């Protein structure tokens, strides 16, 4: 009898523990938003401005990232006192400033079309993911840098690479206790690093106007040392003039005028 009672006790413990630890992908995402400010607070976000610093060859490079709910975004790199805009998107036109000539150059159609798809990723790709046609799948648990995590596969709208439609898939590793994402993996689709897996590590989650966001980021290639990026400041709902995102047509007009004079 004692053995039977002991056996039943063990079974109950196992069953109870399994029920506690069992998580679905939907529950993990729900816990993530709940633990980082609440779904309503996330829904209120209209824009974000992040000020960062990275050390490149012994030189500290400050830069900013601006993203708005309407799809507009840009990155501003500050080099030796000069603000150079990169990946500027006004919703229709994608452009960047050439580091050598300092002239604005438009992106190609394929890259621009892929950028338009990113509008649904603000302020977080998991927010309203079903409405955007995204899917999520829990692939199990995995230990990352000593932390127990839930591995979730996020599949978004296919992108076009060299004229061919390809899946846009990322793998997120959510901390099993706090439910915040610690690592993101994604296959690089083009360029010299094509075929390798990019890795972004996030930590030091701090409160910013009601939301908890990472303030330390390391990015690079999986299995290799990454670039450490420190976040100096995060501003929610910044006031940004729409003109900041527009392609500087006046530069093109000036260049054309000079050609005519010549």
C-alpha atoms as a PDB file:
ATOM      1  CA  UNK A   1       0.000   0.000   0.000  1.00  0.00           C
ATOM      2  CA  UNK A   2       2.787   2.396   0.898  1.00  0.00           C
ATOM      3  CA  UNK A   3       4.449   1.703  -2.473  1.00  0.00           C
ATOM      4  CA  UNK A   4       1.175   2.386  -4.269  1.00  0.00           C
ATOM      5  CA  UNK A   5       0.654   5.673  -2.423  1.00  0.00           C
ATOM      6  CA  UNK A   6       4.245   6.674  -3.155  1.00  0.00           C
ATOM      7  CA  UNK A   7       3.818   5.814  -6.833  1.00  0.00           C
ATOM      8  CA  UNK A   8       0.595   7.843  -7.065  1.00  0.00           C
ATOM      9  CA  UNK A   9       2.320  10.753  -5.348  1.00  0.00           C
ATOM     10  CA  UNK A  10       5.165  10.695  -7.899  1.00  0.00           C
ATOM     11  CA  UNK A  11       2.691  10.499 -10.786  1.00  0.00           C
ATOM     12  CA  UNK A  12       0.751  13.485  -9.442  1.00  0.00           C
ATOM     13  CA  UNK A  13       3.962  15.509  -9.121  1.00  0.00           C
ATOM     14  CA  UNK A  14       4.972  14.678 -12.693  1.00  0.00           C
ATOM     15  CA  UNK A  15       1.529  15.530 -14.058  1.00  0.00           C
ATOM     16  CA  UNK A  16       1.335  18.759 -12.072  1.00  0.00           C
ATOM     17  CA  UNK A  17       4.847  19.817 -13.137  1.00  0.00           C
ATOM     18  CA  UNK A  18       4.062  19.067 -16.771  1.00  0.00           C
ATOM     19  CA  UNK A  19       0.928  21.210 -16.608  1.00  0.00           C
ATOM     20  CA  UNK A  20       2.914  24.084 -15.120  1.00  0.00           C
ATOM     21  CA  UNK A  21       5.749  23.843 -17.630  1.00  0.00           C
ATOM     22  CA  UNK A  22       3.602  23.158 -20.665  1.00  0.00           C
ATOM     23  CA  UNK A  23       3.406  26.281 -22.790  1.00  0.00           C
ATOM     24  CA  UNK A  24       1.983  27.022 -26.191  1.00  0.00           C
ATOM     25  CA  UNK A  25       3.527  29.518 -28.585  1.00  0.00           C
ATOM     26  CA  UNK A  26       0.503  31.783 -28.101  1.00  0.00           C
ATOM     27  CA  UNK A  27       0.864  31.696 -24.311  1.00  0.00           C
ATOM     28  CA  UNK A  28       4.562  32.521 -24.502  1.00  0.00           C
ATOM     29  CA  UNK A  29       3.908  35.551 -26.692  1.00  0.00           C
ATOM     30  CA  UNK A  30       1.044  36.662 -24.446  1.00  0.00           C
ATOM     31  CA  UNK A  31       3.333  36.416 -21.398  1.00  0.00           C
ATOM     32  CA  UNK A  32       6.027  38.340 -23.244  1.00  0.00           C
ATOM     33  CA  UNK A  33       3.770  41.318 -23.885  1.00  0.00           C
ATOM     34  CA  UNK A  34       2.262  41.137 -20.387  1.00  0.00           C
ATOM     35  CA  UNK A  35       5.699  41.153 -18.738  1.00  0.00           C
ATOM     36  CA  UNK A  36       7.009  44.050 -20.824  1.00  0.00           C
ATOM     37  CA  UNK A  37       4.255  46.584 -20.280  1.00  0.00           C
ATOM     38  CA  UNK A  38       0.983  45.034 -21.376  1.00  0.00           C
ATOM     39  CA  UNK A  39      -0.602  44.607 -24.786  1.00  0.00           C
ATOM     40  CA  UNK A  40      -2.506  47.916 -24.544  1.00  0.00           C
ATOM     41  CA  UNK A  41       0.708  49.862 -23.924  1.00  0.00           C
ATOM     42  CA  UNK A  42       2.352  48.208 -26.911  1.00  0.00           C
ATOM     43  CA  UNK A  43      -0.646  49.073 -29.077  1.00  0.00           C
ATOM     44  CA  UNK A  44      -0.276  52.759 -28.161  1.00  0.00           C
ATOM     45  CA  UNK A  45       3.216  53.030 -29.662  1.00  0.00           C
ATOM     46  CA  UNK A  46       3.281  55.325 -32.700  1.00  0.00           C
ATOM     47  CA  UNK A  47       7.023  55.564 -33.074  1.00  0.00           C
ATOM     48  CA  UNK A  48      10.396  54.872 -31.495  1.00  0.00           C
ATOM     49  CA  UNK A  49      13.789  56.582 -31.566  1.00  0.00           C
ATOM     50  CA  UNK A  50      16.835  54.684 -30.337  1.00  0.00           C
ATOM     51  CA  UNK A  51      20.234  56.302 -29.691  1.00  0.00           C
ATOM     52  CA  UNK A  52      23.090  53.796 -29.752  1.00  0.00           C
ATOM     53  CA  UNK A  53      26.870  53.558 -29.675  1.00  0.00           C
ATOM     54  CA  UNK A  54      29.180  50.963 -31.191  1.00  0.00           C
ATOM     55  CA  UNK A  55      32.968  50.624 -31.069  1.00  0.00           C
ATOM     56  CA  UNK A  56      34.502  50.144 -34.504  1.00  0.00           C
ATOM     57  CA  UNK A  57      38.278  49.770 -34.672  1.00  0.00           C
ATOM     58  CA  UNK A  58      38.754  51.687 -31.447  1.00  0.00           C
ATOM     59  CA  UNK A  59      36.470  54.503 -32.579  1.00  0.00           C
ATOM     60  CA  UNK A  60      33.115  55.036 -30.891  1.00  0.00           C
ATOM     61  CA  UNK A  61      30.376  55.576 -33.450  1.00  0.00           C
ATOM     62  CA  UNK A  62      27.035  57.038 -32.310  1.00  0.00           C
ATOM     63  CA  UNK A  63      23.944  56.433 -34.403  1.00  0.00           C
ATOM     64  CA  UNK A  64      20.182  56.613 -34.231  1.00  0.00           C
ATOM     65  CA  UNK A  65      17.332  54.461 -35.462  1.00  0.00           C
ATOM     66  CA  UNK A  66      13.881  55.931 -36.031  1.00  0.00           C
ATOM     67  CA  UNK A  67      10.845  53.786 -36.799  1.00  0.00           C
ATOM     68  CA  UNK A  68       7.248  54.935 -37.096  1.00  0.00           C
ATOM     69  CA  UNK A  69       3.960  53.050 -37.143  1.00  0.00           C
ATOM     70  CA  UNK A  70       3.162  54.297 -40.654  1.00  0.00           C
ATOM     71  CA  UNK A  71       6.204  52.445 -42.013  1.00  0.00           C
ATOM     72  CA  UNK A  72       8.586  55.379 -42.202  1.00  0.00           C
ATOM     73  CA  UNK A  73      12.058  54.745 -40.834  1.00  0.00           C
ATOM     74  CA  UNK A  74      15.693  55.790 -41.047  1.00  0.00           C
ATOM     75  CA  UNK A  75      19.116  55.219 -39.553  1.00  0.00           C
ATOM     76  CA  UNK A  76      21.462  58.156 -38.923  1.00  0.00           C
ATOM     77  CA  UNK A  77      25.170  57.400 -38.509  1.00  0.00           C
ATOM     78  CA  UNK A  78      27.363  60.121 -37.031  1.00  0.00           C
ATOM     79  CA  UNK A  79      30.899  60.023 -38.422  1.00  0.00           C
ATOM     80  CA  UNK A  80      33.381  62.732 -37.461  1.00  0.00           C
ATOM     81  CA  UNK A  81      30.615  65.218 -36.845  1.00  0.00           C
ATOM     82  CA  UNK A  82      28.682  64.391 -40.018  1.00  0.00           C
ATOM     83  CA  UNK A  83      25.185  62.880 -39.902  1.00  0.00           C
ATOM     84  CA  UNK A  84      24.839  60.331 -42.697  1.00  0.00           C
ATOM     85  CA  UNK A  85      21.396  58.898 -43.370  1.00  0.00           C
ATOM     86  CA  UNK A  86      21.028  55.218 -44.237  1.00  0.00           C
ATOM     87  CA  UNK A  87      18.015  53.031 -45.140  1.00  0.00           C
ATOM     88  CA  UNK A  88      15.640  55.979 -45.175  1.00  0.00           C
ATOM     89  CA  UNK A  89      12.107  54.976 -46.146  1.00  0.00           C
ATOM     90  CA  UNK A  90       9.134  57.304 -46.538  1.00  0.00           C
ATOM     91  CA  UNK A  91       6.641  54.547 -47.273  1.00  0.00           C
ATOM     92  CA  UNK A  92       7.321  54.479 -51.007  1.00  0.00           C
ATOM     93  CA  UNK A  93      10.932  55.481 -51.671  1.00  0.00           C
ATOM     94  CA  UNK A  94      13.981  53.844 -50.068  1.00  0.00           C
ATOM     95  CA  UNK A  95      17.280  55.731 -50.136  1.00  0.00           C
ATOM     96  CA  UNK A  96      20.662  56.098 -48.462  1.00  0.00           C
ATOM     97  CA  UNK A  97      23.503  58.620 -48.508  1.00  0.00           C
ATOM     98  CA  UNK A  98      26.674  57.395 -50.190  1.00  0.00           C
ATOM     99  CA  UNK A  99      29.471  57.428 -47.591  1.00  0.00           C
ATOM    100  CA  UNK A 100      32.008  58.575 -50.183  1.00  0.00           C
ATOM    101  CA  UNK A 101      30.111  61.138 -52.251  1.00  0.00           C
ATOM    102  CA  UNK A 102      27.594  62.112 -49.541  1.00  0.00           C
ATOM    103  CA  UNK A 103      24.920  62.030 -52.258  1.00  0.00           C
ATOM    104  CA  UNK A 104      21.511  60.409 -51.783  1.00  0.00           C
ATOM    105  CA  UNK A 105      20.928  57.255 -53.824  1.00  0.00           C
ATOM    106  CA  UNK A 106      17.641  55.387 -54.254  1.00  0.00           C
ATOM    107  CA  UNK A 107      17.335  51.681 -53.500  1.00  0.00           C
ATOM    108  CA  UNK A 108      16.337  49.184 -56.193  1.00  0.00           C
ATOM    109  CA  UNK A 109      12.736  48.066 -56.619  1.00  0.00           C
ATOM    110  CA  UNK A 110      13.231  44.634 -55.044  1.00  0.00           C
ATOM    111  CA  UNK A 111      14.801  46.023 -51.870  1.00  0.00           C
ATOM    112  CA  UNK A 112      12.145  48.738 -51.701  1.00  0.00           C
ATOM    113  CA  UNK A 113       9.302  46.230 -52.057  1.00  0.00           C
ATOM    114  CA  UNK A 114      10.799  44.106 -49.273  1.00  0.00           C
ATOM    115  CA  UNK A 115      11.065  47.188 -47.084  1.00  0.00           C
ATOM    116  CA  UNK A 116       7.334  47.871 -47.542  1.00  0.00           C
ATOM    117  CA  UNK A 117       6.615  44.512 -45.914  1.00  0.00           C
ATOM    118  CA  UNK A 118       8.405  45.611 -42.735  1.00  0.00           C
ATOM    119  CA  UNK A 119       5.629  48.044 -41.854  1.00  0.00           C
ATOM    120  CA  UNK A 120       3.843  45.168 -40.117  1.00  0.00           C
ATOM    121  CA  UNK A 121       6.848  44.613 -37.838  1.00  0.00           C
ATOM    122  CA  UNK A 122       6.343  47.801 -35.837  1.00  0.00           C
ATOM    123  CA  UNK A 123       6.658  48.004 -32.901  1.00  0.00           C
ATOM    124  CA  UNK A 124       7.152  44.245 -32.623  1.00  0.00           C
ATOM    125  CA  UNK A 125       6.594  41.517 -35.241  1.00  0.00           C
ATOM    126  CA  UNK A 126       4.630  39.424 -32.724  1.00  0.00           C
ATOM    127  CA  UNK A 127       2.098  42.198 -32.094  1.00  0.00           C
ATOM    128  CA  UNK A 128      -1.089  41.385 -34.052  1.00  0.00           C
ATOM    129  CA  UNK A 129       0.919  38.788 -35.965  1.00  0.00           C
ATOM    130  CA  UNK A 130      -2.185  36.847 -37.031  1.00  0.00           C
ATOM    131  CA  UNK A 131      -3.710  39.937 -38.637  1.00  0.00           C
ATOM    132  CA  UNK A 132      -0.567  40.334 -40.704  1.00  0.00           C
ATOM    133  CA  UNK A 133      -0.649  36.739 -41.905  1.00  0.00           C
ATOM    134  CA  UNK A 134       2.339  35.686 -39.797  1.00  0.00           C
ATOM    135  CA  UNK A 135       2.529  32.295 -38.084  1.00  0.00           C
ATOM    136  CA  UNK A 136       4.352  31.136 -34.974  1.00  0.00           C
ATOM    137  CA  UNK A 137       5.428  27.663 -33.875  1.00  0.00           C
ATOM    138  CA  UNK A 138       6.956  26.451 -30.622  1.00  0.00           C
ATOM    139  CA  UNK A 139       9.884  24.168 -31.479  1.00  0.00           C
ATOM    140  CA  UNK A 140      10.775  23.199 -27.917  1.00  0.00           C
ATOM    141  CA  UNK A 141      13.185  24.312 -25.227  1.00  0.00           C
ATOM    142  CA  UNK A 142      16.867  25.097 -25.610  1.00  0.00           C
ATOM    143  CA  UNK A 143      19.659  26.335 -23.359  1.00  0.00           C
ATOM    144  CA  UNK A 144      21.242  29.554 -24.656  1.00  0.00           C
ATOM    145  CA  UNK A 145      24.256  30.993 -22.815  1.00  0.00           C
ATOM    146  CA  UNK A 146      23.165  29.136 -19.679  1.00  0.00           C
ATOM    147  CA  UNK A 147      19.556  30.328 -19.808  1.00  0.00           C
ATOM    148  CA  UNK A 148      16.599  28.024 -20.403  1.00  0.00           C
ATOM    149  CA  UNK A 149      14.582  29.319 -23.334  1.00  0.00           C
ATOM    150  CA  UNK A 150      11.556  28.567 -25.478  1.00  0.00           C
ATOM    151  CA  UNK A 151      12.421  28.425 -29.182  1.00  0.00           C
ATOM    152  CA  UNK A 152       9.736  29.959 -31.399  1.00  0.00           C
ATOM    153  CA  UNK A 153       9.732  30.002 -35.177  1.00  0.00           C
ATOM    154  CA  UNK A 154       8.243  33.150 -36.704  1.00  0.00           C
ATOM    155  CA  UNK A 155       7.252  32.963 -40.369  1.00  0.00           C
ATOM    156  CA  UNK A 156       6.409  36.257 -42.033  1.00  0.00           C
ATOM    157  CA  UNK A 157       5.342  37.303 -45.536  1.00  0.00           C
ATOM    158  CA  UNK A 158       7.778  35.916 -48.145  1.00  0.00           C
ATOM    159  CA  UNK A 159      10.388  38.337 -49.461  1.00  0.00           C
ATOM    160  CA  UNK A 160      11.919  38.511 -52.938  1.00  0.00           C
ATOM    161  CA  UNK A 161      15.616  37.744 -53.375  1.00  0.00           C
ATOM    162  CA  UNK A 162      17.136  38.032 -56.854  1.00  0.00           C
ATOM    163  CA  UNK A 163      13.667  37.780 -58.362  1.00  0.00           C
ATOM    164  CA  UNK A 164      12.723  34.654 -56.412  1.00  0.00           C
ATOM    165  CA  UNK A 165      10.201  34.464 -53.560  1.00  0.00           C
ATOM    166  CA  UNK A 166      11.763  33.091 -50.390  1.00  0.00           C
ATOM    167  CA  UNK A 167      10.484  32.369 -46.894  1.00  0.00           C
ATOM    168  CA  UNK A 168      11.147  35.024 -44.276  1.00  0.00           C
ATOM    169  CA  UNK A 169      11.770  32.994 -41.144  1.00  0.00           C
ATOM    170  CA  UNK A 170      13.323  33.950 -37.811  1.00  0.00           C
ATOM    171  CA  UNK A 171      13.909  31.911 -34.658  1.00  0.00           C
ATOM    172  CA  UNK A 172      13.348  33.630 -31.329  1.00  0.00           C
ATOM    173  CA  UNK A 173      14.594  32.294 -28.001  1.00  0.00           C
ATOM    174  CA  UNK A 174      12.422  33.546 -25.123  1.00  0.00           C
ATOM    175  CA  UNK A 175      13.663  33.334 -21.549  1.00  0.00           C
ATOM    176  CA  UNK A 176      11.697  30.587 -19.769  1.00  0.00           C
ATOM    177  CA  UNK A 177      11.253  32.733 -16.643  1.00  0.00           C
ATOM    178  CA  UNK A 178      10.784  36.327 -17.831  1.00  0.00           C
ATOM    179  CA  UNK A 179       9.470  35.474 -21.324  1.00  0.00           C
ATOM    180  CA  UNK A 180      11.547  38.213 -22.981  1.00  0.00           C
ATOM    181  CA  UNK A 181      13.474  37.385 -26.180  1.00  0.00           C
ATOM    182  CA  UNK A 182      17.175  36.844 -25.538  1.00  0.00           C
ATOM    183  CA  UNK A 183      18.408  35.737 -28.973  1.00  0.00           C
ATOM    184  CA  UNK A 184      17.178  35.929 -32.571  1.00  0.00           C
ATOM    185  CA  UNK A 185      18.535  33.802 -35.429  1.00  0.00           C
ATOM    186  CA  UNK A 186      17.821  34.302 -39.132  1.00  0.00           C
ATOM    187  CA  UNK A 187      19.414  33.099 -42.350  1.00  0.00           C
ATOM    188  CA  UNK A 188      21.149  35.790 -44.382  1.00  0.00           C
ATOM    189  CA  UNK A 189      19.574  35.789 -47.837  1.00  0.00           C
ATOM    190  CA  UNK A 190      21.989  37.908 -49.881  1.00  0.00           C
ATOM    191  CA  UNK A 191      25.412  39.511 -49.945  1.00  0.00           C
ATOM    192  CA  UNK A 192      28.840  38.061 -49.087  1.00  0.00           C
ATOM    193  CA  UNK A 193      27.468  36.406 -45.912  1.00  0.00           C
ATOM    194  CA  UNK A 194      24.608  34.692 -47.765  1.00  0.00           C
ATOM    195  CA  UNK A 195      23.701  31.307 -46.274  1.00  0.00           C
ATOM    196  CA  UNK A 196      25.105  32.074 -42.834  1.00  0.00           C
ATOM    197  CA  UNK A 197      22.944  32.697 -39.774  1.00  0.00           C
ATOM    198  CA  UNK A 198      22.764  36.152 -38.244  1.00  0.00           C
ATOM    199  CA  UNK A 199      22.566  36.335 -34.471  1.00  0.00           C
ATOM    200  CA  UNK A 200      21.208  39.147 -32.324  1.00  0.00           C
ATOM    201  CA  UNK A 201      21.471  38.913 -28.543  1.00  0.00           C
ATOM    202  CA  UNK A 202      19.444  41.203 -26.287  1.00  0.00           C
ATOM    203  CA  UNK A 203      19.764  41.890 -22.571  1.00  0.00           C
ATOM    204  CA  UNK A 204      19.514  44.578 -19.894  1.00  0.00           C
ATOM    205  CA  UNK A 205      15.774  45.131 -20.240  1.00  0.00           C
ATOM    206  CA  UNK A 206      14.849  48.494 -18.722  1.00  0.00           C
ATOM    207  CA  UNK A 207      11.576  50.412 -18.433  1.00  0.00           C
ATOM    208  CA  UNK A 208      10.945  53.131 -21.016  1.00  0.00           C
ATOM    209  CA  UNK A 209       7.689  55.042 -20.624  1.00  0.00           C
ATOM    210  CA  UNK A 210       5.860  51.916 -19.499  1.00  0.00           C
ATOM    211  CA  UNK A 211       7.534  49.394 -21.809  1.00  0.00           C
ATOM    212  CA  UNK A 212      10.509  47.175 -21.004  1.00  0.00           C
ATOM    213  CA  UNK A 213      13.053  47.205 -23.840  1.00  0.00           C
ATOM    214  CA  UNK A 214      16.609  45.835 -24.235  1.00  0.00           C
ATOM    215  CA  UNK A 215      19.454  48.305 -23.667  1.00  0.00           C
ATOM    216  CA  UNK A 216      22.338  46.032 -24.612  1.00  0.00           C
ATOM    217  CA  UNK A 217      22.557  44.341 -28.012  1.00  0.00           C
ATOM    218  CA  UNK A 218      25.179  42.099 -29.573  1.00  0.00           C
ATOM    219  CA  UNK A 219      24.870  41.309 -33.253  1.00  0.00           C
ATOM    220  CA  UNK A 220      26.926  39.244 -35.658  1.00  0.00           C
ATOM    221  CA  UNK A 221      27.178  35.757 -37.122  1.00  0.00           C
ATOM    222  CA  UNK A 222      26.129  32.699 -35.133  1.00  0.00           C
ATOM    223  CA  UNK A 223      29.149  30.994 -33.606  1.00  0.00           C
ATOM    224  CA  UNK A 224      31.368  34.065 -33.954  1.00  0.00           C
ATOM    225  CA  UNK A 225      32.085  37.021 -31.650  1.00  0.00           C
ATOM    226  CA  UNK A 226      29.524  39.749 -32.251  1.00  0.00           C
ATOM    227  CA  UNK A 227      29.535  43.527 -32.201  1.00  0.00           C
ATOM    228  CA  UNK A 228      28.404  44.903 -28.852  1.00  0.00           C
ATOM    229  CA  UNK A 229      26.024  47.847 -29.140  1.00  0.00           C
ATOM    230  CA  UNK A 230      24.999  49.923 -26.147  1.00  0.00           C
ATOM    231  CA  UNK A 231      21.709  51.792 -26.035  1.00  0.00           C
ATOM    232  CA  UNK A 232      22.064  55.297 -24.609  1.00  0.00           C
ATOM    233  CA  UNK A 233      18.438  56.337 -24.868  1.00  0.00           C
ATOM    234  CA  UNK A 234      15.083  55.148 -26.156  1.00  0.00           C
ATOM    235  CA  UNK A 235      12.269  57.587 -26.861  1.00  0.00           C
ATOM    236  CA  UNK A 236       8.709  56.513 -27.577  1.00  0.00           C
ATOM    237  CA  UNK A 237       6.462  58.488 -29.915  1.00  0.00           C
ATOM    238  CA  UNK A 238       9.122  61.017 -30.984  1.00  0.00           C
ATOM    239  CA  UNK A 239       8.106  64.072 -33.002  1.00  0.00           C
ATOM    240  CA  UNK A 240       9.814  63.670 -36.395  1.00  0.00           C
ATOM    241  CA  UNK A 241       9.225  66.002 -39.344  1.00  0.00           C
ATOM    242  CA  UNK A 242       7.992  64.041 -42.380  1.00  0.00           C
ATOM    243  CA  UNK A 243      10.513  65.957 -44.503  1.00  0.00           C
ATOM    244  CA  UNK A 244      13.325  64.030 -42.792  1.00  0.00           C
ATOM    245  CA  UNK A 245      12.277  60.885 -44.662  1.00  0.00           C
ATOM    246  CA  UNK A 246      11.958  62.434 -48.115  1.00  0.00           C
ATOM    247  CA  UNK A 247      14.504  61.844 -50.851  1.00  0.00           C
ATOM    248  CA  UNK A 248      16.439  65.128 -51.327  1.00  0.00           C
ATOM    249  CA  UNK A 249      15.303  65.866 -54.874  1.00  0.00           C
ATOM    250  CA  UNK A 250      17.017  69.267 -54.771  1.00  0.00           C
ATOM    251  CA  UNK A 251      20.397  67.527 -54.953  1.00  0.00           C
ATOM    252  CA  UNK A 252      19.347  65.803 -58.155  1.00  0.00           C
ATOM    253  CA  UNK A 253      18.086  69.082 -59.615  1.00  0.00           C
ATOM    254  CA  UNK A 254      21.358  70.846 -58.761  1.00  0.00           C
ATOM    255  CA  UNK A 255      23.386  68.072 -60.396  1.00  0.00           C
ATOM    256  CA  UNK A 256      21.232  68.242 -63.539  1.00  0.00           C
ATOM    257  CA  UNK A 257      21.591  72.013 -63.683  1.00  0.00           C
ATOM    258  CA  UNK A 258      25.387  71.815 -63.485  1.00  0.00           C
ATOM    259  CA  UNK A 259      25.437  69.293 -66.328  1.00  0.00           C
ATOM    260  CA  UNK A 260      23.369  71.648 -68.486  1.00  0.00           C
ATOM    261  CA  UNK A 261      25.767  74.528 -67.779  1.00  0.00           C
ATOM    262  CA  UNK A 262      28.745  72.358 -68.695  1.00  0.00           C
END
